[in-house]
Amino acid sequence: MQLQNLTTKFLGRDFYYFEELDSTQAEIWRKIDNNTIKNGSLVVAKFQTSGIGTHGRKWLIEESGNITFSFFVELNCELQKLEGLTTEIAEIIIEIFEKLYNIKLDIKLPNDITYNGKKIGGILTQSKSYKNIIKYLIIGIGINTNSSKFNDEIKKIASSIKNEFNIEVNNLEIISEFCNIFEEKILKRSK
């Protein structure tokens, strides 16, 4: 499986796809620990059994076929250059859905993608720094694209693109477009 229409120099060029995985974020950290990761590596899972949300929460989705991916980028830049990064990532996601599907999603600051007050997606940004220098970022993104069922615990607060707009989303197209825009817009800023 490959990403189509990728125009990046490095983001997404090392691509790891799993039918099922505990967590794309955890897999990136394992690759870091084993020193088997390259700048721009991307891990995608069709289904996560233990997805990680912010503040140690779990990302709970009972169906496969949603967007769940994490990526690793080396930066070596000052922390202040990355202020507001998570919000900018959310803005890129909003831009992509509007461009490709003509739908308008919202951002609940700092890291949630919503529609009609229900959570559609989330962003988890982790980093490794030394003093005031960010050495690398690990960014995880989960978007409920094609789910139709939500358990009682979350159905009042969460939804999906499929439920809200009655469309099927091409997840890999969204991920490719994200990589293209992120590398172009954000990584230039960190230099």
Protein backbone atom coordinates (compact mmCIF):
# COMPACT_ATOMS: atom_id res chain seq x y z
CA MET A 1 0.00 0.00 0.00
CA GLN A 2 1.33 3.43 -0.95
CA LEU A 3 0.33 7.04 -0.63
CA GLN A 4 -0.73 8.53 -3.97
CA ASN A 5 0.03 12.07 -5.21
CA LEU A 6 2.70 12.67 -2.58
CA THR A 7 4.78 15.74 -3.44
CA THR A 8 6.87 15.85 -0.27
CA LYS A 9 10.65 15.58 -0.08
CA PHE A 10 10.58 13.34 3.01
CA LEU A 11 7.27 13.36 4.92
CA GLY A 12 5.46 10.08 4.25
CA ARG A 13 8.26 8.64 2.10
CA ASP A 14 8.90 5.97 4.74
CA PHE A 15 5.40 4.57 5.07
CA TYR A 16 4.26 1.77 7.40
CA TYR A 17 0.71 0.44 7.06
CA PHE A 18 -0.97 -1.93 9.54
CA GLU A 19 -4.39 -3.55 9.33
CA GLU A 20 -4.44 -3.51 13.15
CA LEU A 21 -2.11 -1.93 15.67
CA ASP A 22 -2.26 -0.97 19.33
CA SER A 23 -1.41 2.67 18.57
CA THR A 24 0.31 4.48 15.72
CA GLN A 25 1.83 6.87 18.26
CA ALA A 26 3.20 3.96 20.33
CA GLU A 27 4.66 2.38 17.17
CA ILE A 28 6.57 5.59 16.38
CA TRP A 29 7.99 5.63 19.92
CA ARG A 30 9.03 1.98 19.56
CA LYS A 31 10.85 2.82 16.32
CA ILE A 32 12.60 5.71 18.08
CA ASP A 33 13.62 3.42 20.97
CA ASN A 34 14.95 0.82 18.51
CA ASN A 35 16.69 3.49 16.41
CA THR A 36 14.84 2.27 13.30
CA ILE A 37 13.10 5.47 12.27
CA LYS A 38 13.84 7.99 9.53
CA ASN A 39 12.87 11.63 9.34
CA GLY A 40 9.37 11.87 7.91
CA SER A 41 8.33 8.31 8.79
CA LEU A 42 4.57 7.78 8.76
CA VAL A 43 2.64 5.00 10.52
CA VAL A 44 -0.96 4.33 9.48
CA ALA A 45 -3.37 1.79 10.98
CA LYS A 46 -6.74 0.71 9.65
CA PHE A 47 -7.74 -0.08 13.23
CA GLN A 48 -6.19 0.82 16.59
CA THR A 49 -6.88 -1.28 19.68
CA SER A 50 -5.42 1.26 22.16
CA GLY A 51 -5.38 4.63 20.43
CA ILE A 52 -3.87 7.44 22.49
CA GLY A 53 -5.61 10.76 23.05
CA THR A 54 -4.47 13.83 24.95
CA HIS A 55 -3.91 13.76 28.72
CA GLY A 56 -3.46 9.98 28.61
CA ARG A 57 -7.03 9.36 27.46
CA LYS A 58 -7.87 6.54 25.07
CA TRP A 59 -9.07 7.22 21.54
CA LEU A 60 -12.14 4.96 21.46
CA ILE A 61 -13.44 3.78 18.10
CA GLU A 62 -15.06 0.39 17.68
CA GLU A 63 -14.86 0.18 13.88
CA SER A 64 -11.99 0.17 11.43
CA GLY A 65 -11.68 2.34 8.36
CA ASN A 66 -11.06 5.70 10.01
CA ILE A 67 -8.00 7.91 9.74
CA THR A 68 -5.41 6.97 12.36
CA PHE A 69 -1.83 7.94 11.68
CA SER A 70 1.28 9.32 13.35
CA PHE A 71 4.47 10.74 11.93
CA PHE A 72 7.96 11.64 13.04
CA VAL A 73 9.86 14.78 12.01
CA GLU A 74 13.31 15.93 13.05
CA LEU A 75 13.47 19.67 13.62
CA ASN A 76 16.23 20.97 15.88
CA CYS A 77 14.53 24.35 16.27
CA GLU A 78 13.61 26.74 19.06
CA LEU A 79 10.42 25.98 20.95
CA GLN A 80 8.81 29.37 20.28
CA LYS A 81 8.90 28.76 16.52
CA LEU A 82 6.34 25.99 17.04
CA GLU A 83 3.84 27.87 19.20
CA GLY A 84 0.30 27.23 18.00
CA LEU A 85 1.39 24.18 15.98
CA THR A 86 -1.51 21.94 17.03
CA THR A 87 -4.04 24.58 16.01
CA GLU A 88 -2.29 24.99 12.65
CA ILE A 89 -2.49 21.23 12.11
CA ALA A 90 -6.24 21.42 12.82
CA GLU A 91 -6.54 24.27 10.30
CA ILE A 92 -4.80 22.14 7.65
CA ILE A 93 -7.29 19.32 8.27
CA ILE A 94 -10.23 21.75 7.99
CA GLU A 95 -8.77 23.11 4.74
CA ILE A 96 -8.41 19.62 3.24
CA PHE A 97 -11.99 18.55 3.97
CA GLU A 98 -13.31 21.78 2.54
CA LYS A 99 -11.16 21.44 -0.59
CA LEU A 100 -11.79 17.73 -1.27
CA TYR A 101 -15.34 17.25 0.04
CA ASN A 102 -16.77 20.78 0.25
CA ILE A 103 -17.61 20.36 3.94
CA LYS A 104 -16.89 22.81 6.71
CA LEU A 105 -15.66 21.42 10.01
CA ASP A 106 -14.80 23.40 13.15
CA ILE A 107 -11.92 23.54 15.61
CA LYS A 108 -12.38 23.28 19.35
CA LEU A 109 -9.12 24.66 20.68
CA PRO A 110 -6.54 23.48 21.04
CA ASN A 111 -6.71 20.07 19.36
CA ASP A 112 -10.21 18.85 18.42
CA ILE A 113 -11.96 18.76 15.05
CA THR A 114 -15.74 19.06 15.54
CA TYR A 115 -19.02 19.37 13.70
CA ASN A 116 -22.25 20.55 15.35
CA GLY A 117 -20.50 20.36 18.72
CA LYS A 118 -19.53 16.70 18.30
CA LYS A 119 -15.95 15.53 18.14
CA ILE A 120 -14.89 14.21 14.72
CA GLY A 121 -11.14 14.11 15.26
CA GLY A 122 -8.20 14.95 17.45
CA ILE A 123 -4.50 15.76 17.32
CA LEU A 124 -1.81 14.61 19.73
CA THR A 125 1.53 16.42 19.57
CA GLN A 126 4.50 15.08 21.51
CA SER A 127 8.13 16.16 21.33
CA LYS A 128 11.64 15.53 22.52
CA SER A 129 13.59 18.62 23.48
CA TYR A 130 16.92 19.60 24.93
CA LYS A 131 16.92 22.87 26.85
CA ASN A 132 14.84 25.16 24.58
CA ILE A 133 15.48 23.22 21.37
CA ILE A 134 12.89 20.82 19.93
CA LYS A 135 14.80 17.84 18.53
CA TYR A 136 11.83 16.03 17.02
CA LEU A 137 8.04 15.87 16.97
CA ILE A 138 5.70 12.90 17.01
CA ILE A 139 2.26 13.93 15.84
CA GLY A 140 -0.78 11.64 15.94
CA ILE A 141 -4.02 12.37 14.11
CA GLY A 142 -7.30 10.50 14.43
CA ILE A 143 -10.37 11.39 12.37
CA ASN A 144 -13.66 9.52 12.49
CA THR A 145 -14.29 9.33 8.77
CA ASN A 146 -16.18 6.13 8.03
CA SER A 147 -17.54 4.99 11.42
CA SER A 148 -21.28 4.59 11.73
CA LYS A 149 -21.56 3.19 15.27
CA PHE A 150 -20.51 4.79 18.53
CA ASN A 151 -20.90 3.20 21.94
CA ASP A 152 -23.19 4.71 24.59
CA GLU A 153 -20.20 6.27 26.37
CA ILE A 154 -19.34 8.59 23.47
CA LYS A 155 -22.28 8.75 21.01
CA LYS A 156 -23.61 12.01 22.48
CA ILE A 157 -20.25 13.76 22.10
CA ALA A 158 -18.67 12.11 19.03
CA SER A 159 -19.61 11.58 15.40
CA SER A 160 -18.07 10.88 12.00
CA ILE A 161 -17.89 12.37 8.53
CA LYS A 162 -20.02 9.46 7.26
CA ASN A 163 -22.74 10.02 9.88
CA GLU A 164 -22.85 13.79 9.45
CA PHE A 165 -22.48 14.11 5.67
CA ASN A 166 -23.39 10.65 4.31
CA ILE A 167 -20.19 10.35 2.28
CA GLU A 168 -17.35 7.82 2.11
CA VAL A 169 -13.92 9.34 2.66
CA ASN A 170 -10.74 8.19 0.93
CA ASN A 171 -8.48 8.11 3.99
CA LEU A 172 -5.17 7.74 2.15
CA GLU A 173 -6.02 10.72 -0.06
CA ILE A 174 -6.58 12.84 3.05
CA ILE A 175 -3.29 11.63 4.58
CA SER A 176 -1.32 12.35 1.37
CA GLU A 177 -2.80 15.82 1.08
CA PHE A 178 -2.03 16.45 4.74
CA CYS A 179 1.64 15.45 4.27
CA ASN A 180 1.97 17.72 1.24
CA ILE A 181 0.52 20.77 3.00
CA PHE A 182 2.21 20.15 6.36
CA GLU A 183 5.67 19.86 4.87
CA GLU A 184 5.15 22.95 2.73
CA LYS A 185 3.55 25.24 5.35
CA ILE A 186 4.78 24.18 8.74
CA LEU A 187 8.26 22.79 8.30
CA LYS A 188 9.48 25.93 6.50
CA ARG A 189 8.55 27.89 9.62
CA SER A 190 10.77 25.76 11.86
CA LYS A 191 14.00 26.66 10.02
